[in-house]
C-alpha atoms as a PDB file:
ATOM      1  CA  UNK A   1      24.938  -7.182  26.431  1.00  0.00           C
ATOM      2  CA  UNK A   2      23.554 -10.167  28.768  1.00  0.00           C
ATOM      3  CA  UNK A   3      26.216 -12.862  29.353  1.00  0.00           C
ATOM      4  CA  UNK A   4      23.808 -15.664  28.788  1.00  0.00           C
ATOM      5  CA  UNK A   5      22.848 -14.197  25.449  1.00  0.00           C
ATOM      6  CA  UNK A   6      26.253 -13.639  24.426  1.00  0.00           C
ATOM      7  CA  UNK A   7      26.948 -17.085  24.894  1.00  0.00           C
ATOM      8  CA  UNK A   8      24.158 -18.420  23.082  1.00  0.00           C
ATOM      9  CA  UNK A   9      24.801 -16.238  20.375  1.00  0.00           C
ATOM     10  CA  UNK A  10      28.348 -17.608  19.831  1.00  0.00           C
ATOM     11  CA  UNK A  11      26.996 -21.052  19.781  1.00  0.00           C
ATOM     12  CA  UNK A  12      24.472 -20.006  16.869  1.00  0.00           C
ATOM     13  CA  UNK A  13      27.517 -17.872  15.144  1.00  0.00           C
ATOM     14  CA  UNK A  14      29.919 -20.762  14.926  1.00  0.00           C
ATOM     15  CA  UNK A  15      27.482 -23.229  14.147  1.00  0.00           C
ATOM     16  CA  UNK A  16      26.201 -21.140  11.199  1.00  0.00           C
ATOM     17  CA  UNK A  17      29.532 -20.744  10.183  1.00  0.00           C
ATOM     18  CA  UNK A  18      30.157 -24.485  10.305  1.00  0.00           C
ATOM     19  CA  UNK A  19      27.229 -25.275   8.120  1.00  0.00           C
ATOM     20  CA  UNK A  20      27.456 -22.243   6.083  1.00  0.00           C
ATOM     21  CA  UNK A  21      31.239 -22.901   4.980  1.00  0.00           C
ATOM     22  CA  UNK A  22      30.187 -26.505   3.946  1.00  0.00           C
ATOM     23  CA  UNK A  23      27.107 -25.817   2.002  1.00  0.00           C
ATOM     24  CA  UNK A  24      28.267 -25.135  -1.872  1.00  0.00           C
ATOM     25  CA  UNK A  25      25.309 -22.596  -2.333  1.00  0.00           C
ATOM     26  CA  UNK A  26      26.754 -20.530   0.895  1.00  0.00           C
ATOM     27  CA  UNK A  27      30.346 -21.465   1.145  1.00  0.00           C
ATOM     28  CA  UNK A  28      31.847 -18.386  -0.743  1.00  0.00           C
ATOM     29  CA  UNK A  29      29.908 -16.097   1.493  1.00  0.00           C
ATOM     30  CA  UNK A  30      30.656 -17.754   4.969  1.00  0.00           C
ATOM     31  CA  UNK A  31      34.289 -18.124   4.169  1.00  0.00           C
ATOM     32  CA  UNK A  32      34.517 -14.381   3.431  1.00  0.00           C
ATOM     33  CA  UNK A  33      32.930 -13.916   6.886  1.00  0.00           C
ATOM     34  CA  UNK A  34      36.182 -15.848   8.816  1.00  0.00           C
ATOM     35  CA  UNK A  35      38.108 -12.586   9.171  1.00  0.00           C
ATOM     36  CA  UNK A  36      34.858 -10.868  10.903  1.00  0.00           C
ATOM     37  CA  UNK A  37      34.279 -13.430  13.054  1.00  0.00           C
ATOM     38  CA  UNK A  38      37.588 -13.366  14.061  1.00  0.00           C
ATOM     39  CA  UNK A  39      37.766  -9.510  15.029  1.00  0.00           C
ATOM     40  CA  UNK A  40      34.145 -10.275  16.612  1.00  0.00           C
ATOM     41  CA  UNK A  41      35.641 -13.137  18.997  1.00  0.00           C
ATOM     42  CA  UNK A  42      38.585 -11.029  19.734  1.00  0.00           C
ATOM     43  CA  UNK A  43      36.239  -7.941  20.495  1.00  0.00           C
ATOM     44  CA  UNK A  44      34.223 -10.036  22.897  1.00  0.00           C
ATOM     45  CA  UNK A  45      37.482 -11.511  24.714  1.00  0.00           C
ATOM     46  CA  UNK A  46      38.715  -7.806  25.160  1.00  0.00           C
ATOM     47  CA  UNK A  47      35.111  -6.365  26.339  1.00  0.00           C
ATOM     48  CA  UNK A  48      34.348  -9.302  28.464  1.00  0.00           C
ATOM     49  CA  UNK A  49      38.064  -9.667  30.038  1.00  0.00           C
ATOM     50  CA  UNK A  50      37.538 -10.462  33.865  1.00  0.00           C
ATOM     51  CA  UNK A  51      40.295  -7.967  34.959  1.00  0.00           C
ATOM     52  CA  UNK A  52      40.215  -5.194  32.741  1.00  0.00           C
ATOM     53  CA  UNK A  53      43.110  -2.420  33.228  1.00  0.00           C
ATOM     54  CA  UNK A  54      45.721  -0.785  31.177  1.00  0.00           C
ATOM     55  CA  UNK A  55      48.371  -3.066  31.860  1.00  0.00           C
ATOM     56  CA  UNK A  56      46.619  -6.136  30.812  1.00  0.00           C
ATOM     57  CA  UNK A  57      45.377  -4.526  27.585  1.00  0.00           C
ATOM     58  CA  UNK A  58      48.930  -3.590  26.769  1.00  0.00           C
ATOM     59  CA  UNK A  59      50.296  -6.900  27.251  1.00  0.00           C
ATOM     60  CA  UNK A  60      47.554  -8.689  25.151  1.00  0.00           C
ATOM     61  CA  UNK A  61      48.395  -6.194  22.537  1.00  0.00           C
ATOM     62  CA  UNK A  62      51.767  -6.831  22.537  1.00  0.00           C
ATOM     63  CA  UNK A  63      51.573 -10.640  22.729  1.00  0.00           C
ATOM     64  CA  UNK A  64      49.524 -10.266  19.449  1.00  0.00           C
ATOM     65  CA  UNK A  65      51.929  -8.066  17.703  1.00  0.00           C
ATOM     66  CA  UNK A  66      54.723 -10.283  18.825  1.00  0.00           C
ATOM     67  CA  UNK A  67      52.864 -13.638  17.533  1.00  0.00           C
ATOM     68  CA  UNK A  68      52.173 -11.544  14.317  1.00  0.00           C
ATOM     69  CA  UNK A  69      56.007 -10.965  14.068  1.00  0.00           C
ATOM     70  CA  UNK A  70      56.532 -14.300  14.586  1.00  0.00           C
ATOM     71  CA  UNK A  71      54.336 -15.431  11.812  1.00  0.00           C
ATOM     72  CA  UNK A  72      56.168 -12.942   9.513  1.00  0.00           C
ATOM     73  CA  UNK A  73      59.698 -14.465  10.137  1.00  0.00           C
ATOM     74  CA  UNK A  74      57.870 -17.885   9.989  1.00  0.00           C
ATOM     75  CA  UNK A  75      56.533 -17.062   6.051  1.00  0.00           C
ATOM     76  CA  UNK A  76      59.682 -15.525   5.169  1.00  0.00           C
ATOM     77  CA  UNK A  77      62.337 -17.800   6.409  1.00  0.00           C
ATOM     78  CA  UNK A  78      60.400 -21.129   6.242  1.00  0.00           C
ATOM     79  CA  UNK A  79      62.538 -22.091   9.252  1.00  0.00           C
ATOM     80  CA  UNK A  80      60.206 -21.705  11.991  1.00  0.00           C
ATOM     81  CA  UNK A  81      57.130 -23.681  11.556  1.00  0.00           C
ATOM     82  CA  UNK A  82      58.146 -24.625   7.699  1.00  0.00           C
ATOM     83  CA  UNK A  83      57.944 -23.448   4.201  1.00  0.00           C
ATOM     84  CA  UNK A  84      54.140 -21.989   4.212  1.00  0.00           C
ATOM     85  CA  UNK A  85      52.249 -19.235   2.406  1.00  0.00           C
ATOM     86  CA  UNK A  86      48.757 -17.402   3.649  1.00  0.00           C
ATOM     87  CA  UNK A  87      45.724 -17.450   1.488  1.00  0.00           C
ATOM     88  CA  UNK A  88      43.554 -14.681   0.639  1.00  0.00           C
ATOM     89  CA  UNK A  89      40.800 -15.798   3.413  1.00  0.00           C
ATOM     90  CA  UNK A  90      41.887 -14.497   6.372  1.00  0.00           C
ATOM     91  CA  UNK A  91      41.651 -11.092   5.093  1.00  0.00           C
ATOM     92  CA  UNK A  92      44.361  -8.007   4.594  1.00  0.00           C
ATOM     93  CA  UNK A  93      47.778  -8.778   4.951  1.00  0.00           C
ATOM     94  CA  UNK A  94      51.079  -6.805   5.941  1.00  0.00           C
ATOM     95  CA  UNK A  95      54.201  -8.564   4.942  1.00  0.00           C
ATOM     96  CA  UNK A  96      52.350 -11.335   3.716  1.00  0.00           C
ATOM     97  CA  UNK A  97      50.791 -12.067   6.822  1.00  0.00           C
ATOM     98  CA  UNK A  98      47.334 -11.226   7.811  1.00  0.00           C
ATOM     99  CA  UNK A  99      46.754  -8.929  10.778  1.00  0.00           C
ATOM    100  CA  UNK A 100      43.751 -11.256  12.151  1.00  0.00           C
ATOM    101  CA  UNK A 101      46.623 -14.073  12.763  1.00  0.00           C
ATOM    102  CA  UNK A 102      47.911 -11.914  15.754  1.00  0.00           C
ATOM    103  CA  UNK A 103      44.165 -11.901  16.904  1.00  0.00           C
ATOM    104  CA  UNK A 104      43.527 -15.534  16.391  1.00  0.00           C
ATOM    105  CA  UNK A 105      46.691 -16.054  18.793  1.00  0.00           C
ATOM    106  CA  UNK A 106      45.483 -14.182  21.531  1.00  0.00           C
ATOM    107  CA  UNK A 107      42.081 -15.826  21.214  1.00  0.00           C
ATOM    108  CA  UNK A 108      43.320 -19.368  21.552  1.00  0.00           C
ATOM    109  CA  UNK A 109      45.979 -18.095  24.459  1.00  0.00           C
ATOM    110  CA  UNK A 110      42.840 -16.704  26.092  1.00  0.00           C
ATOM    111  CA  UNK A 111      40.511 -19.378  25.695  1.00  0.00           C
ATOM    112  CA  UNK A 112      42.946 -22.313  26.437  1.00  0.00           C
ATOM    113  CA  UNK A 113      44.344 -20.545  29.445  1.00  0.00           C
ATOM    114  CA  UNK A 114      40.718 -20.449  30.925  1.00  0.00           C
ATOM    115  CA  UNK A 115      40.332 -23.873  30.415  1.00  0.00           C
ATOM    116  CA  UNK A 116      43.831 -24.898  32.439  1.00  0.00           C
ATOM    117  CA  UNK A 117      42.989 -22.318  35.040  1.00  0.00           C
ATOM    118  CA  UNK A 118      39.778 -24.558  36.038  1.00  0.00           C
ATOM    119  CA  UNK A 119      42.198 -27.695  36.308  1.00  0.00           C
ATOM    120  CA  UNK A 120      44.133 -26.103  39.086  1.00  0.00           C
ATOM    121  CA  UNK A 121      47.242 -27.308  37.520  1.00  0.00           C
ATOM    122  CA  UNK A 122      50.397 -26.603  39.995  1.00  0.00           C
ATOM    123  CA  UNK A 123      52.970 -24.156  38.798  1.00  0.00           C
ATOM    124  CA  UNK A 124      53.273 -21.703  36.214  1.00  0.00           C
ATOM    125  CA  UNK A 125      55.536 -24.271  33.918  1.00  0.00           C
ATOM    126  CA  UNK A 126      53.061 -26.985  34.368  1.00  0.00           C
ATOM    127  CA  UNK A 127      50.049 -24.423  33.323  1.00  0.00           C
ATOM    128  CA  UNK A 128      52.022 -23.072  30.457  1.00  0.00           C
ATOM    129  CA  UNK A 129      52.955 -26.957  29.190  1.00  0.00           C
ATOM    130  CA  UNK A 130      49.366 -27.899  29.317  1.00  0.00           C
ATOM    131  CA  UNK A 131      47.762 -24.681  27.703  1.00  0.00           C
ATOM    132  CA  UNK A 132      50.380 -24.966  24.796  1.00  0.00           C
ATOM    133  CA  UNK A 133      49.236 -28.940  24.770  1.00  0.00           C
ATOM    134  CA  UNK A 134      45.676 -27.800  24.182  1.00  0.00           C
ATOM    135  CA  UNK A 135      46.708 -25.103  21.694  1.00  0.00           C
ATOM    136  CA  UNK A 136      48.694 -27.804  19.360  1.00  0.00           C
ATOM    137  CA  UNK A 137      46.251 -30.172  19.839  1.00  0.00           C
ATOM    138  CA  UNK A 138      43.877 -27.816  18.121  1.00  0.00           C
ATOM    139  CA  UNK A 139      46.247 -26.921  15.566  1.00  0.00           C
ATOM    140  CA  UNK A 140      46.180 -30.536  14.298  1.00  0.00           C
ATOM    141  CA  UNK A 141      42.312 -30.020  13.803  1.00  0.00           C
ATOM    142  CA  UNK A 142      42.822 -26.623  12.347  1.00  0.00           C
ATOM    143  CA  UNK A 143      45.516 -27.389   9.624  1.00  0.00           C
ATOM    144  CA  UNK A 144      43.402 -29.661   7.220  1.00  0.00           C
ATOM    145  CA  UNK A 145      40.898 -27.227   7.532  1.00  0.00           C
ATOM    146  CA  UNK A 146      42.966 -23.990   6.996  1.00  0.00           C
ATOM    147  CA  UNK A 147      44.423 -25.544   3.680  1.00  0.00           C
ATOM    148  CA  UNK A 148      40.732 -26.646   2.294  1.00  0.00           C
ATOM    149  CA  UNK A 149      39.638 -23.216   3.036  1.00  0.00           C
ATOM    150  CA  UNK A 150      42.674 -21.513   2.000  1.00  0.00           C
ATOM    151  CA  UNK A 151      43.672 -19.913   5.286  1.00  0.00           C
ATOM    152  CA  UNK A 152      47.462 -20.876   4.155  1.00  0.00           C
ATOM    153  CA  UNK A 153      48.853 -23.674   2.242  1.00  0.00           C
ATOM    154  CA  UNK A 154      51.756 -25.833   2.825  1.00  0.00           C
ATOM    155  CA  UNK A 155      54.884 -26.653   0.485  1.00  0.00           C
ATOM    156  CA  UNK A 156      53.974 -30.030  -0.763  1.00  0.00           C
ATOM    157  CA  UNK A 157      50.467 -29.941   0.584  1.00  0.00           C
ATOM    158  CA  UNK A 158      52.226 -31.587   3.774  1.00  0.00           C
ATOM    159  CA  UNK A 159      52.363 -30.161   7.429  1.00  0.00           C
ATOM    160  CA  UNK A 160      55.654 -30.741   8.419  1.00  0.00           C
ATOM    161  CA  UNK A 161      56.161 -32.238  11.981  1.00  0.00           C
ATOM    162  CA  UNK A 162      58.301 -29.169  13.174  1.00  0.00           C
ATOM    163  CA  UNK A 163      54.927 -27.224  12.778  1.00  0.00           C
ATOM    164  CA  UNK A 164      53.675 -28.823  15.712  1.00  0.00           C
ATOM    165  CA  UNK A 165      56.731 -28.485  17.904  1.00  0.00           C
ATOM    166  CA  UNK A 166      57.078 -24.663  16.857  1.00  0.00           C
ATOM    167  CA  UNK A 167      53.358 -24.334  17.962  1.00  0.00           C
ATOM    168  CA  UNK A 168      53.814 -26.005  21.079  1.00  0.00           C
ATOM    169  CA  UNK A 169      57.364 -23.738  22.218  1.00  0.00           C
ATOM    170  CA  UNK A 170      55.575 -20.375  20.660  1.00  0.00           C
ATOM    171  CA  UNK A 171      52.331 -21.323  22.689  1.00  0.00           C
ATOM    172  CA  UNK A 172      54.151 -22.570  25.926  1.00  0.00           C
ATOM    173  CA  UNK A 173      56.110 -19.004  25.705  1.00  0.00           C
ATOM    174  CA  UNK A 174      52.920 -16.887  25.778  1.00  0.00           C
ATOM    175  CA  UNK A 175      51.115 -18.912  28.079  1.00  0.00           C
ATOM    176  CA  UNK A 176      54.019 -18.531  30.345  1.00  0.00           C
ATOM    177  CA  UNK A 177      54.034 -14.594  29.912  1.00  0.00           C
ATOM    178  CA  UNK A 178      50.328 -14.627  30.417  1.00  0.00           C
ATOM    179  CA  UNK A 179      50.511 -16.433  33.516  1.00  0.00           C
ATOM    180  CA  UNK A 180      53.361 -14.839  35.024  1.00  0.00           C
ATOM    181  CA  UNK A 181      51.850 -11.317  34.268  1.00  0.00           C
ATOM    182  CA  UNK A 182      48.982 -12.108  36.381  1.00  0.00           C
ATOM    183  CA  UNK A 183      46.412 -12.339  33.527  1.00  0.00           C
ATOM    184  CA  UNK A 184      45.348 -16.132  34.051  1.00  0.00           C
ATOM    185  CA  UNK A 185      41.858 -15.760  34.656  1.00  0.00           C
ATOM    186  CA  UNK A 186      38.752 -18.175  35.382  1.00  0.00           C
ATOM    187  CA  UNK A 187      35.932 -17.499  32.830  1.00  0.00           C
ATOM    188  CA  UNK A 188      33.013 -19.565  31.708  1.00  0.00           C
ATOM    189  CA  UNK A 189      32.703 -17.490  28.550  1.00  0.00           C
ATOM    190  CA  UNK A 190      36.464 -17.923  27.445  1.00  0.00           C
ATOM    191  CA  UNK A 191      36.251 -21.648  28.259  1.00  0.00           C
ATOM    192  CA  UNK A 192      32.759 -21.618  25.771  1.00  0.00           C
ATOM    193  CA  UNK A 193      35.490 -20.162  23.439  1.00  0.00           C
ATOM    194  CA  UNK A 194      37.773 -22.842  23.485  1.00  0.00           C
ATOM    195  CA  UNK A 195      35.083 -25.548  23.119  1.00  0.00           C
ATOM    196  CA  UNK A 196      33.820 -23.841  20.210  1.00  0.00           C
ATOM    197  CA  UNK A 197      36.908 -23.656  18.842  1.00  0.00           C
ATOM    198  CA  UNK A 198      37.630 -27.358  19.131  1.00  0.00           C
ATOM    199  CA  UNK A 199      34.017 -28.472  17.979  1.00  0.00           C
ATOM    200  CA  UNK A 200      34.111 -25.700  14.844  1.00  0.00           C
ATOM    201  CA  UNK A 201      37.450 -27.406  13.332  1.00  0.00           C
ATOM    202  CA  UNK A 202      36.396 -31.163  14.563  1.00  0.00           C
ATOM    203  CA  UNK A 203      33.310 -30.432  12.896  1.00  0.00           C
ATOM    204  CA  UNK A 204      34.881 -29.103   9.507  1.00  0.00           C
ATOM    205  CA  UNK A 205      37.583 -32.153   9.744  1.00  0.00           C
ATOM    206  CA  UNK A 206      34.651 -34.621  10.327  1.00  0.00           C
ATOM    207  CA  UNK A 207      32.649 -33.226   6.933  1.00  0.00           C
ATOM    208  CA  UNK A 208      35.964 -32.832   5.078  1.00  0.00           C
ATOM    209  CA  UNK A 209      36.412 -36.711   5.675  1.00  0.00           C
ATOM    210  CA  UNK A 210      32.895 -37.421   4.837  1.00  0.00           C
ATOM    211  CA  UNK A 211      32.299 -35.262   1.408  1.00  0.00           C
ATOM    212  CA  UNK A 212      35.871 -35.150   0.206  1.00  0.00           C
END
């Protein structure tokens, strides 16, 4: 697929999702398509990965698995991110955690890392810290949207501060592993995915403020 066409398609896809999920007539349909959108975005990240090789794909798969396992422990114990439970929106679950959640961590990791790579931040620790900061900033936008569309729910309907600290620490670890393994790469496609993620959840947040 032509890269420029793919970028335009992703823009249309995320814009349609933003609008469709907030229109009463189409909300149920477009919300049900969220897992498919995650799978498609992850597929794009893999197929268009700039340095495709066996070791890269093994590591990305391992990160997805570790991220999913962290969520399993988090849901079961309530000690990592806080007390929360996943709803039905993100699709099929194993041990009460959607399998798409590991994909989501990898998508956000690849996308935010591509942004940091453009800024030429010195040192792997600095790059990991900044990448984790971007992912945590995005989580600030995700949380109210996630609860509204039943991605997950927090005990008491309140997001604990520890969630954001844990998000930063887990994200820092993944970014550090990603950079240390030589997977960090510049990519205009992945930067676009990062922008789309921020715009998608910011748009939802604005609409929720207006119409809720």
